[in-house]
Amino acid sequence: MDGKSRKNIKPGLKVAIVLKKDQRTGNLTDGVVKDILTNSQNHPHGIKVRLESGLIGRVAEIYENDD
């Protein structure tokens, strides 16, 4: 799924984000969404979220649930 659209992201979803410090390298950090911080419906660099671990970054990848 696309991490650039707010409608695809919900709290509790497992995602990979790019932290501010990793924007140049593109390193991804996995986690579970706690809060959605971007107000607009779309963002070209990805929707900004806070993970349950407290880390903040832009969603690069959304993992499909196995439910």
C-alpha atoms as a PDB file:
ATOM      1  CA  MET A   1       0.000   0.000   0.000  1.00  0.00           C
ATOM      2  CA  ASP A   2       0.938   3.606  -0.466  1.00  0.00           C
ATOM      3  CA  GLY A   3       2.393   5.503   2.506  1.00  0.00           C
ATOM      4  CA  LYS A   4       1.720   8.836   0.792  1.00  0.00           C
ATOM      5  CA  SER A   5      -2.059   8.727   1.369  1.00  0.00           C
ATOM      6  CA  ARG A   6      -3.455   9.333   4.857  1.00  0.00           C
ATOM      7  CA  LYS A   7      -6.462   7.069   4.188  1.00  0.00           C
ATOM      8  CA  ASN A   8      -4.160   4.010   4.046  1.00  0.00           C
ATOM      9  CA  ILE A   9      -2.685   4.594   7.521  1.00  0.00           C
ATOM     10  CA  LYS A  10      -4.380   3.801  10.820  1.00  0.00           C
ATOM     11  CA  PRO A  11      -3.126   3.450  14.400  1.00  0.00           C
ATOM     12  CA  GLY A  12      -2.041  -0.131  15.085  1.00  0.00           C
ATOM     13  CA  LEU A  13      -0.758  -0.698  11.545  1.00  0.00           C
ATOM     14  CA  LYS A  14       2.751  -2.144  11.097  1.00  0.00           C
ATOM     15  CA  VAL A  15       4.850   0.147   8.891  1.00  0.00           C
ATOM     16  CA  ALA A  16       8.407   1.048   7.907  1.00  0.00           C
ATOM     17  CA  ILE A  17       9.325   4.718   8.314  1.00  0.00           C
ATOM     18  CA  VAL A  18      12.245   6.909   7.297  1.00  0.00           C
ATOM     19  CA  LEU A  19      13.547   8.889  10.265  1.00  0.00           C
ATOM     20  CA  LYS A  20      14.711  12.484   9.707  1.00  0.00           C
ATOM     21  CA  LYS A  21      18.335  11.453  10.322  1.00  0.00           C
ATOM     22  CA  ASP A  22      18.017   8.645   7.740  1.00  0.00           C
ATOM     23  CA  GLN A  23      16.527  10.703   4.899  1.00  0.00           C
ATOM     24  CA  ARG A  24      19.817  10.776   2.991  1.00  0.00           C
ATOM     25  CA  THR A  25      20.529   7.059   3.395  1.00  0.00           C
ATOM     26  CA  GLY A  26      16.948   5.818   3.136  1.00  0.00           C
ATOM     27  CA  ASN A  27      17.344   3.433   6.085  1.00  0.00           C
ATOM     28  CA  LEU A  28      13.966   2.142   7.251  1.00  0.00           C
ATOM     29  CA  THR A  29      12.756   1.641  10.822  1.00  0.00           C
ATOM     30  CA  ASP A  30       9.923  -0.812  11.514  1.00  0.00           C
ATOM     31  CA  GLY A  31       7.214  -0.177  14.059  1.00  0.00           C
ATOM     32  CA  VAL A  32       3.530   0.158  14.833  1.00  0.00           C
ATOM     33  CA  VAL A  33       1.683   3.443  14.237  1.00  0.00           C
ATOM     34  CA  LYS A  34       0.546   5.212  17.407  1.00  0.00           C
ATOM     35  CA  ASP A  35      -0.418   8.664  16.018  1.00  0.00           C
ATOM     36  CA  ILE A  36      -0.791  10.220  12.561  1.00  0.00           C
ATOM     37  CA  LEU A  37       0.898  13.630  12.558  1.00  0.00           C
ATOM     38  CA  THR A  38       0.249  14.826   8.979  1.00  0.00           C
ATOM     39  CA  ASN A  39      -3.064  16.659   8.614  1.00  0.00           C
ATOM     40  CA  SER A  40      -3.265  16.728   4.807  1.00  0.00           C
ATOM     41  CA  GLN A  41      -4.759  13.771   2.900  1.00  0.00           C
ATOM     42  CA  ASN A  42      -1.601  13.271   0.792  1.00  0.00           C
ATOM     43  CA  HIS A  43       2.076  14.092   1.131  1.00  0.00           C
ATOM     44  CA  PRO A  44       4.705  13.514  -1.594  1.00  0.00           C
ATOM     45  CA  HIS A  45       7.346  12.247   0.874  1.00  0.00           C
ATOM     46  CA  GLY A  46       5.005  10.098   2.972  1.00  0.00           C
ATOM     47  CA  ILE A  47       2.613  10.672   5.847  1.00  0.00           C
ATOM     48  CA  LYS A  48       4.385  11.597   9.108  1.00  0.00           C
ATOM     49  CA  VAL A  49       3.579   9.279  12.032  1.00  0.00           C
ATOM     50  CA  ARG A  50       4.657   8.586  15.604  1.00  0.00           C
ATOM     51  CA  LEU A  51       5.386   4.942  16.347  1.00  0.00           C
ATOM     52  CA  GLU A  52       4.516   3.217  19.631  1.00  0.00           C
ATOM     53  CA  SER A  53       8.265   3.360  20.374  1.00  0.00           C
ATOM     54  CA  GLY A  54       8.066   7.183  20.218  1.00  0.00           C
ATOM     55  CA  LEU A  55      10.070   7.538  16.997  1.00  0.00           C
ATOM     56  CA  ILE A  56       8.733   9.963  14.382  1.00  0.00           C
ATOM     57  CA  GLY A  57       9.176   9.654  10.640  1.00  0.00           C
ATOM     58  CA  ARG A  58       7.489   9.424   7.256  1.00  0.00           C
ATOM     59  CA  VAL A  59       5.837   6.187   6.129  1.00  0.00           C
ATOM     60  CA  ALA A  60       7.826   4.517   3.369  1.00  0.00           C
ATOM     61  CA  GLU A  61       6.131   1.119   3.411  1.00  0.00           C
ATOM     62  CA  ILE A  62       2.967  -0.396   4.852  1.00  0.00           C
ATOM     63  CA  TYR A  63       3.053  -4.073   5.755  1.00  0.00           C
ATOM     64  CA  GLU A  64       0.006  -6.166   4.913  1.00  0.00           C
ATOM     65  CA  ASN A  65      -1.785  -7.660   7.916  1.00  0.00           C
ATOM     66  CA  ASP A  66      -1.942 -11.454   8.070  1.00  0.00           C
ATOM     67  CA  ASP A  67      -5.319 -11.378   9.856  1.00  0.00           C
END
